[in-house]
């Protein structure tokens, strides 16, 4: 193949990847699969419309129980930093109080980045005991609390005199055993994918080193904040504004290559994007279903640090529901989604298996419908209760409650995880 053809093929691959890096594509392809399932054409799932209202009612009940005054924050990693009723944000504020606001905001953005990237499924056997409180945490809350203390201890910084940051050199040199120690991992306390999590952070360090125009000369995740709000600079005025999808787009453009899945079109990495034989799309994007779950979770978790730094974030509903096992499990456990063959629950599946790709796609599409029904039952609007708050109110909590009642917290479908997808 000559250089002209190579260039043309690469340009086509880039165009397909750019299309797949939008939540418009996430939703459109998810809706293809939910329409197909409603027509009885799915080999794996049946959508039972009769359970939509009752599913939404369970979300409403969970929301009223958790937020009786209906002051619902956005779904975010910062909620997990409040685990056990401890205000760790206030603790971080105390540690940062001598710094000017831009530097405080940078530290919070760095923390959100590393904590979210460490937030794949922990497995059922891991726990974290917080030394200061003696409280025990598991799953997402445990990962959040452990990562919070690892961050404040300077694990992700190359400058031990300035521990409250993450930088490229510190992440590239991250030793798996040091991460394991910070997360209290041992033979009797195994954490799924500890090596893969460390590799992911090292790859983040490499990616930031290669893109100083985005992450700055020191290669900090928070460099993205300065780049996005440029030319305003780090001292953002009160009028600074950004769209949520612009944050996500920057994450996907600069960091799609860090993911361990290896999914790509040609040599263009796609990240959390998987094949499904029934999905149609333009050009080389045909057959691909994008999700970008952790990248969207990261975007949700950056909304507050951006606003604390003086930037107003708009367009929250451009983001989708997170296609992971709590939201997806809620759909099955509430009856809205039913396995066509119940024996599928007995198998352990891979993230790229068609049943899992379809489960995640149906989660994205049906959660939009559940959110609409939740708003109707609460007599409110999308403007007052965006998806980011429906999720927090919430779908995730209802999914956890149902899973705990039915299967000791385990999801209805087993997925082999390396700690970097689910």
Protein backbone atom coordinates (compact mmCIF):
# COMPACT_ATOMS: atom_id res chain seq x y z
CA UNK A 1 0.00 0.00 0.00
CA UNK A 2 1.49 3.37 -1.01
CA UNK A 3 1.73 6.44 1.23
CA UNK A 4 -1.36 8.04 -0.31
CA UNK A 5 -3.50 4.97 0.40
CA UNK A 6 -2.08 4.65 3.90
CA UNK A 7 -2.92 8.27 4.61
CA UNK A 8 -6.45 7.80 3.24
CA UNK A 9 -7.03 4.65 5.32
CA UNK A 10 -5.73 6.36 8.46
CA UNK A 11 -7.96 9.37 7.79
CA UNK A 12 -10.97 7.05 7.52
CA UNK A 13 -10.02 5.36 10.79
CA UNK A 14 -9.66 8.74 12.52
CA UNK A 15 -13.04 9.86 11.19
CA UNK A 16 -14.69 6.68 12.48
CA UNK A 17 -13.00 7.04 15.88
CA UNK A 18 -14.09 10.67 16.16
CA UNK A 19 -17.68 9.68 15.44
CA UNK A 20 -17.50 6.97 18.12
CA UNK A 21 -16.11 9.47 20.64
CA UNK A 22 -19.47 11.22 20.95
CA UNK A 23 -22.36 10.48 23.29
CA UNK A 24 -24.62 11.00 20.28
CA UNK A 25 -23.13 7.79 18.88
CA UNK A 26 -23.36 6.08 22.29
CA UNK A 27 -27.09 6.79 22.48
CA UNK A 28 -27.88 6.17 18.80
CA UNK A 29 -26.28 2.74 18.74
CA UNK A 30 -27.75 1.81 22.10
CA UNK A 31 -31.20 2.68 20.73
CA UNK A 32 -30.60 0.47 17.73
CA UNK A 33 -30.21 -2.47 20.08
CA UNK A 34 -33.14 -1.61 22.34
CA UNK A 35 -35.42 -1.25 19.28
CA UNK A 36 -34.19 -4.61 18.04
CA UNK A 37 -34.85 -6.20 21.44
CA UNK A 38 -38.37 -4.75 21.52
CA UNK A 39 -39.01 -6.40 18.16
CA UNK A 40 -38.06 -9.75 19.67
CA UNK A 41 -34.85 -9.98 17.63
CA UNK A 42 -32.35 -10.13 20.48
CA UNK A 43 -30.81 -13.51 21.16
CA UNK A 44 -30.18 -12.48 24.76
CA UNK A 45 -32.80 -10.13 26.21
CA UNK A 46 -36.50 -9.32 26.34
CA UNK A 47 -37.67 -5.79 27.22
CA UNK A 48 -40.78 -5.99 29.41
CA UNK A 49 -42.46 -2.59 29.08
CA UNK A 50 -44.88 -3.37 31.89
CA UNK A 51 -42.10 -2.90 34.44
CA UNK A 52 -41.01 0.60 33.36
CA UNK A 53 -43.29 2.45 35.81
CA UNK A 54 -42.45 0.17 38.74
CA UNK A 55 -38.74 0.38 37.98
CA UNK A 56 -38.95 4.17 38.01
CA UNK A 57 -40.93 4.03 41.24
CA UNK A 58 -38.07 2.13 42.90
CA UNK A 59 -35.70 4.90 41.82
CA UNK A 60 -38.12 7.52 43.17
CA UNK A 61 -38.36 5.66 46.49
CA UNK A 62 -34.57 5.41 46.77
CA UNK A 63 -34.23 9.09 45.91
CA UNK A 64 -36.75 10.24 48.52
CA UNK A 65 -35.13 8.01 51.13
CA UNK A 66 -31.62 9.27 50.43
CA UNK A 67 -32.46 12.91 49.71
CA UNK A 68 -35.74 13.67 51.51
CA UNK A 69 -35.41 17.41 50.83
CA UNK A 70 -34.70 16.63 47.15
CA UNK A 71 -31.39 18.51 47.23
CA UNK A 72 -29.76 15.95 44.96
CA UNK A 73 -26.12 16.45 43.95
CA UNK A 74 -24.68 15.13 40.70
CA UNK A 75 -23.55 11.53 40.44
CA UNK A 76 -19.84 11.84 41.09
CA UNK A 77 -16.76 10.31 42.67
CA UNK A 78 -17.09 13.04 45.29
CA UNK A 79 -20.12 11.25 46.74
CA UNK A 80 -17.92 8.21 47.38
CA UNK A 81 -15.42 10.46 49.16
CA UNK A 82 -18.26 11.05 51.66
CA UNK A 83 -18.50 7.32 52.51
CA UNK A 84 -19.22 6.55 56.14
CA UNK A 85 -20.48 10.09 56.74
CA UNK A 86 -16.92 11.49 56.67
CA UNK A 87 -16.43 14.82 54.89
CA UNK A 88 -13.12 14.10 53.18
CA UNK A 89 -13.55 17.09 50.87
CA UNK A 90 -13.32 19.27 53.99
CA UNK A 91 -10.17 17.37 54.98
CA UNK A 92 -8.68 18.07 51.55
CA UNK A 93 -9.69 21.75 51.84
CA UNK A 94 -7.77 21.96 55.12
CA UNK A 95 -4.68 20.46 53.53
CA UNK A 96 -4.93 22.91 50.63
CA UNK A 97 -6.00 26.02 52.50
CA UNK A 98 -2.70 27.92 52.07
CA UNK A 99 -2.80 27.58 48.28
CA UNK A 100 -4.51 29.98 45.85
CA UNK A 101 -7.80 28.81 44.34
CA UNK A 102 -6.33 27.70 40.98
CA UNK A 103 -3.86 25.36 42.71
CA UNK A 104 -6.57 24.00 44.99
CA UNK A 105 -8.70 23.27 41.93
CA UNK A 106 -5.78 21.56 40.20
CA UNK A 107 -5.28 19.22 43.17
CA UNK A 108 -8.97 18.27 43.17
CA UNK A 109 -8.91 17.56 39.45
CA UNK A 110 -5.77 15.42 39.83
CA UNK A 111 -7.46 13.47 42.63
CA UNK A 112 -10.62 12.90 40.57
CA UNK A 113 -8.59 11.59 37.63
CA UNK A 114 -6.57 8.98 39.51
CA UNK A 115 -9.44 7.91 41.74
CA UNK A 116 -11.83 7.35 38.84
CA UNK A 117 -9.24 5.43 36.83
CA UNK A 118 -8.83 3.13 39.84
CA UNK A 119 -12.59 2.56 40.06
CA UNK A 120 -13.14 -0.64 38.08
CA UNK A 121 -14.91 -3.49 39.88
CA UNK A 122 -13.07 -4.43 43.09
CA UNK A 123 -14.44 -7.94 43.41
CA UNK A 124 -16.39 -9.32 46.38
CA UNK A 125 -13.44 -10.21 48.64
CA UNK A 126 -11.59 -6.91 48.99
CA UNK A 127 -12.02 -4.33 51.75
CA UNK A 128 -10.24 -1.21 52.96
CA UNK A 129 -10.00 -0.25 56.64
CA UNK A 130 -9.52 3.48 57.02
CA UNK A 131 -6.76 4.01 59.60
CA UNK A 132 -8.05 7.34 60.93
CA UNK A 133 -11.64 6.21 61.53
CA UNK A 134 -11.40 2.43 61.78
CA UNK A 135 -14.29 2.22 59.34
CA UNK A 136 -14.34 -0.61 56.77
CA UNK A 137 -15.30 0.07 53.16
CA UNK A 138 -15.73 -2.21 50.16
CA UNK A 139 -16.33 -1.89 46.41
CA UNK A 140 -16.51 1.64 44.94
CA UNK A 141 -16.56 3.42 48.29
CA UNK A 142 -13.53 1.44 49.45
CA UNK A 143 -11.64 2.24 46.25
CA UNK A 144 -12.53 5.92 46.62
CA UNK A 145 -11.40 6.16 50.25
CA UNK A 146 -8.22 4.18 49.58
CA UNK A 147 -7.35 6.35 46.57
CA UNK A 148 -8.09 9.52 48.54
CA UNK A 149 -5.56 8.58 51.21
CA UNK A 150 -3.04 7.36 48.64
CA UNK A 151 -3.32 10.75 46.94
CA UNK A 152 -2.95 12.80 50.12
CA UNK A 153 0.07 10.66 51.05
CA UNK A 154 1.74 11.68 47.77
CA UNK A 155 1.74 8.27 46.07
CA UNK A 156 1.06 9.79 42.63
CA UNK A 157 3.43 12.77 42.91
CA UNK A 158 7.09 12.79 41.90
CA UNK A 159 7.77 15.65 44.35
CA UNK A 160 7.37 14.48 47.93
CA UNK A 161 7.56 18.12 49.02
CA UNK A 162 4.30 18.68 47.09
CA UNK A 163 2.31 15.50 47.64
CA UNK A 164 -1.16 16.81 46.77
CA UNK A 165 -0.91 16.28 43.04
CA UNK A 166 -0.54 13.62 40.37
CA UNK A 167 2.08 14.11 37.68
CA UNK A 168 3.48 12.20 34.74
CA UNK A 169 6.76 11.29 36.40
CA UNK A 170 5.06 10.08 39.57
CA UNK A 171 2.55 7.98 37.62
CA UNK A 172 5.09 6.54 35.17
CA UNK A 173 7.16 5.38 38.13
CA UNK A 174 4.24 3.95 40.09
CA UNK A 175 5.24 0.58 41.56
CA UNK A 176 2.46 -1.99 41.64
CA UNK A 177 3.50 -3.17 45.10
CA UNK A 178 3.25 0.40 46.41
CA UNK A 179 -0.27 0.73 45.00
CA UNK A 180 -1.17 -2.66 46.47
CA UNK A 181 0.16 -1.60 49.87
CA UNK A 182 -1.83 1.65 49.79
CA UNK A 183 -4.95 -0.39 49.01
CA UNK A 184 -4.14 -2.96 51.74
CA UNK A 185 -4.02 -5.77 49.16
CA UNK A 186 -2.73 -9.14 50.25
CA UNK A 187 -3.41 -12.86 49.94
CA UNK A 188 -6.33 -12.58 52.35
CA UNK A 189 -7.53 -9.29 50.85
CA UNK A 190 -7.37 -9.66 47.04
CA UNK A 191 -8.30 -6.77 44.75
CA UNK A 192 -9.30 -7.64 41.20
CA UNK A 193 -6.81 -6.33 38.64
CA UNK A 194 -4.31 -4.57 40.93
CA UNK A 195 -1.55 -4.98 38.31
CA UNK A 196 -3.81 -3.75 35.50
CA UNK A 197 -4.83 -0.69 37.55
CA UNK A 198 -1.17 0.21 38.09
CA UNK A 199 -0.47 -0.26 34.37
CA UNK A 200 -3.40 2.03 33.52
CA UNK A 201 -1.98 4.80 35.70
CA UNK A 202 1.50 4.32 34.25
CA UNK A 203 -0.02 4.61 30.77
CA UNK A 204 -1.76 7.81 31.87
CA UNK A 205 1.65 9.14 32.87
CA UNK A 206 3.09 8.23 29.47
CA UNK A 207 0.18 9.83 27.61
CA UNK A 208 0.54 13.07 29.57
CA UNK A 209 4.29 13.19 28.91
CA UNK A 210 3.60 12.92 25.19
CA UNK A 211 1.04 15.76 25.21
CA UNK A 212 2.50 18.78 27.05
CA UNK A 213 0.23 21.07 25.04
CA UNK A 214 -2.72 19.54 26.95
CA UNK A 215 -1.26 18.48 30.30
CA UNK A 216 1.51 21.04 30.76
CA UNK A 217 5.24 20.56 31.07
CA UNK A 218 4.86 18.68 34.38
CA UNK A 219 2.21 16.43 32.88
CA UNK A 220 -0.63 16.84 35.36
CA UNK A 221 -4.23 15.77 34.65
CA UNK A 222 -5.33 19.21 35.78
CA UNK A 223 -3.40 20.71 32.86
CA UNK A 224 -6.46 19.74 30.83
CA UNK A 225 -8.49 22.26 32.83
CA UNK A 226 -6.19 25.13 31.83
CA UNK A 227 -6.24 24.01 28.19
CA UNK A 228 -10.05 23.74 28.07
CA UNK A 229 -10.71 27.17 29.55
CA UNK A 230 -7.89 28.84 27.57
CA UNK A 231 -7.43 31.71 26.86
CA UNK A 232 -8.94 32.47 30.25
CA UNK A 233 -5.98 30.90 32.02
CA UNK A 234 -5.99 29.31 35.47
CA UNK A 235 -7.64 32.34 37.14
CA UNK A 236 -11.04 31.66 35.59
CA UNK A 237 -13.49 34.58 35.94
CA UNK A 238 -16.99 33.91 37.32
CA UNK A 239 -18.34 34.08 33.77
CA UNK A 240 -16.21 31.17 32.50
CA UNK A 241 -18.36 28.44 30.93
CA UNK A 242 -17.84 25.04 29.34
CA UNK A 243 -20.05 22.24 28.01
CA UNK A 244 -19.84 18.88 29.76
CA UNK A 245 -19.32 17.11 26.44
CA UNK A 246 -16.33 19.33 25.71
CA UNK A 247 -14.65 17.93 28.83
CA UNK A 248 -15.49 14.38 27.75
CA UNK A 249 -14.29 15.02 24.20
CA UNK A 250 -10.92 16.23 25.43
CA UNK A 251 -10.55 13.14 27.63
CA UNK A 252 -11.41 10.85 24.72
CA UNK A 253 -9.19 12.66 22.24
CA UNK A 254 -6.13 12.63 24.47
CA UNK A 255 -6.48 9.46 26.54
CA UNK A 256 -8.19 6.81 24.38
CA UNK A 257 -4.83 5.09 23.99
CA UNK A 258 -4.35 4.36 27.71
CA UNK A 259 -7.05 1.68 27.96
CA UNK A 260 -5.91 -1.92 28.14
CA UNK A 261 -8.76 -3.30 25.99
CA UNK A 262 -6.74 -2.71 22.81
CA UNK A 263 -9.88 -2.01 20.77
CA UNK A 264 -8.96 -0.03 17.68
CA UNK A 265 -9.75 0.73 14.05
CA UNK A 266 -6.45 0.29 12.25
CA UNK A 267 -3.96 1.87 14.62
CA UNK A 268 -6.44 4.39 16.07
CA UNK A 269 -7.41 3.39 19.64
CA UNK A 270 -11.09 3.39 20.60
CA UNK A 271 -11.04 2.69 24.33
CA UNK A 272 -14.33 1.42 25.81
CA UNK A 273 -15.90 0.56 22.44
CA UNK A 274 -16.94 -2.97 21.40
CA UNK A 275 -18.23 -5.00 18.46
CA UNK A 276 -21.85 -6.09 17.99
CA UNK A 277 -22.94 -7.81 14.77
CA UNK A 278 -26.37 -6.12 14.65
CA UNK A 279 -25.20 -2.51 14.98
CA UNK A 280 -24.95 -0.39 11.87
CA UNK A 281 -22.96 2.77 11.37
CA UNK A 282 -21.14 4.95 8.92
CA UNK A 283 -17.94 3.74 7.25
CA UNK A 284 -15.40 2.01 9.47
CA UNK A 285 -17.54 2.74 12.55
CA UNK A 286 -19.99 0.06 11.37
CA UNK A 287 -20.46 -2.69 13.95
CA UNK A 288 -18.93 -0.73 16.85
CA UNK A 289 -20.81 0.22 20.04
CA UNK A 290 -19.15 2.97 22.11
CA UNK A 291 -19.68 3.39 25.86
CA UNK A 292 -16.72 5.28 27.39
CA UNK A 293 -17.97 4.39 30.85
CA UNK A 294 -14.94 5.40 32.93
CA UNK A 295 -14.34 8.48 30.76
CA UNK A 296 -17.93 9.58 31.36
CA UNK A 297 -17.63 8.75 35.06
CA UNK A 298 -14.52 10.92 35.09
CA UNK A 299 -16.42 13.73 33.34
CA UNK A 300 -19.23 13.54 35.90
CA UNK A 301 -16.58 13.65 38.63
CA UNK A 302 -14.90 16.74 37.15
CA UNK A 303 -18.09 18.82 37.09
CA UNK A 304 -17.71 19.95 40.70
CA UNK A 305 -13.93 20.65 40.63
CA UNK A 306 -14.47 22.74 37.49
CA UNK A 307 -17.23 24.71 39.23
CA UNK A 308 -15.19 25.05 42.45
CA UNK A 309 -12.52 26.57 40.21
CA UNK A 310 -14.93 29.17 38.88
CA UNK A 311 -16.17 27.53 35.68
CA UNK A 312 -19.88 26.96 35.03
CA UNK A 313 -20.53 23.61 33.33
CA UNK A 314 -23.59 23.31 31.06
CA UNK A 315 -25.16 20.50 29.05
CA UNK A 316 -25.00 17.75 31.67
CA UNK A 317 -27.61 15.66 29.87
CA UNK A 318 -25.31 15.21 26.91
CA UNK A 319 -23.67 12.54 29.09
CA UNK A 320 -25.31 9.11 29.31
CA UNK A 321 -26.12 6.70 32.09
CA UNK A 322 -23.06 4.70 33.07
CA UNK A 323 -23.27 1.23 31.50
CA UNK A 324 -21.98 -0.79 34.43
CA UNK A 325 -23.29 -3.61 36.54
CA UNK A 326 -25.24 -1.53 39.11
CA UNK A 327 -27.36 0.28 36.53
CA UNK A 328 -27.49 -2.76 34.24
CA UNK A 329 -28.27 -5.03 37.17
CA UNK A 330 -31.10 -2.74 38.25
CA UNK A 331 -32.79 -3.18 34.87
CA UNK A 332 -32.70 -6.97 35.15
CA UNK A 333 -33.58 -7.11 38.84
CA UNK A 334 -36.49 -4.68 38.41
CA UNK A 335 -37.96 -6.87 35.63
CA UNK A 336 -37.68 -4.23 32.90
CA UNK A 337 -35.04 -6.36 31.22
CA UNK A 338 -35.23 -10.16 31.18
CA UNK A 339 -32.75 -12.77 30.09
CA UNK A 340 -34.15 -14.84 27.23
CA UNK A 341 -32.26 -17.84 28.61
CA UNK A 342 -31.84 -17.79 32.40
CA UNK A 343 -28.87 -20.15 32.16
CA UNK A 344 -26.82 -17.19 30.82
CA UNK A 345 -26.56 -16.07 34.43
CA UNK A 346 -24.53 -19.19 35.22
CA UNK A 347 -21.66 -18.31 32.85
CA UNK A 348 -18.74 -15.94 33.29
CA UNK A 349 -18.57 -13.59 30.29
CA UNK A 350 -15.87 -11.36 28.82
CA UNK A 351 -16.46 -7.60 28.36
CA UNK A 352 -16.39 -8.05 24.56
CA UNK A 353 -18.94 -10.89 24.46
CA UNK A 354 -22.05 -9.87 22.56
CA UNK A 355 -24.37 -10.47 25.50
CA UNK A 356 -22.37 -8.02 27.66
CA UNK A 357 -22.08 -5.42 24.90
CA UNK A 358 -25.83 -5.63 24.39
CA UNK A 359 -26.56 -5.51 28.14
CA UNK A 360 -24.55 -2.33 28.44
CA UNK A 361 -26.20 -0.77 25.37
CA UNK A 362 -29.68 -1.58 26.67
CA UNK A 363 -28.66 0.00 29.98
CA UNK A 364 -27.80 3.29 28.26
CA UNK A 365 -31.03 3.39 26.25
CA UNK A 366 -33.44 2.20 28.95
CA UNK A 367 -31.98 4.42 31.67
CA UNK A 368 -32.96 7.46 29.61
CA UNK A 369 -36.53 6.11 29.64
CA UNK A 370 -36.43 5.34 33.36
CA UNK A 371 -35.18 8.88 34.02
CA UNK A 372 -38.11 10.31 32.03
CA UNK A 373 -40.57 8.24 34.07
CA UNK A 374 -38.86 9.28 37.33
CA UNK A 375 -39.36 12.95 36.41
CA UNK A 376 -43.01 12.32 35.60
CA UNK A 377 -43.59 10.63 38.96
CA UNK A 378 -41.82 13.47 40.78
CA UNK A 379 -43.70 16.10 38.71
CA UNK A 380 -40.48 17.78 37.66
CA UNK A 381 -38.56 18.51 34.49
CA UNK A 382 -35.25 17.57 32.92
CA UNK A 383 -33.96 21.06 33.68
CA UNK A 384 -34.60 20.57 37.40
CA UNK A 385 -33.64 16.90 37.54
CA UNK A 386 -31.01 16.13 34.88
CA UNK A 387 -29.80 12.60 34.34
CA UNK A 388 -26.71 13.29 36.47
CA UNK A 389 -29.02 13.73 39.47
CA UNK A 390 -31.39 10.88 38.59
CA UNK A 391 -28.38 8.56 38.62
CA UNK A 392 -27.30 9.84 42.02
CA UNK A 393 -30.79 9.85 43.46
CA UNK A 394 -30.86 7.11 42.24
CA UNK A 395 -30.60 4.33 39.85
CA UNK A 396 -27.24 3.21 41.20
CA UNK A 397 -28.52 3.01 44.79
CA UNK A 398 -31.66 1.12 43.73
CA UNK A 399 -29.51 -1.30 41.76
CA UNK A 400 -27.29 -1.95 44.74
CA UNK A 401 -30.27 -2.46 47.06
CA UNK A 402 -31.90 -4.98 44.73
CA UNK A 403 -28.64 -6.86 44.18
CA UNK A 404 -28.05 -7.03 47.93
CA UNK A 405 -31.52 -8.39 48.53
CA UNK A 406 -31.39 -10.94 45.71
CA UNK A 407 -27.76 -12.10 45.54
CA UNK A 408 -25.70 -10.64 48.41
CA UNK A 409 -24.74 -7.70 46.21
CA UNK A 410 -23.47 -9.69 43.24
CA UNK A 411 -24.56 -8.64 39.72
CA UNK A 412 -27.08 -10.76 37.76
CA UNK A 413 -24.49 -11.47 35.05
CA UNK A 414 -20.88 -12.39 35.80
CA UNK A 415 -18.22 -10.51 33.85
CA UNK A 416 -14.53 -11.34 34.02
CA UNK A 417 -12.97 -8.01 34.96
CA UNK A 418 -9.41 -6.73 34.90
CA UNK A 419 -10.42 -3.74 37.01
CA UNK A 420 -10.33 -1.26 34.10
CA UNK A 421 -13.72 -1.68 32.33
CA UNK A 422 -16.41 -2.37 34.95
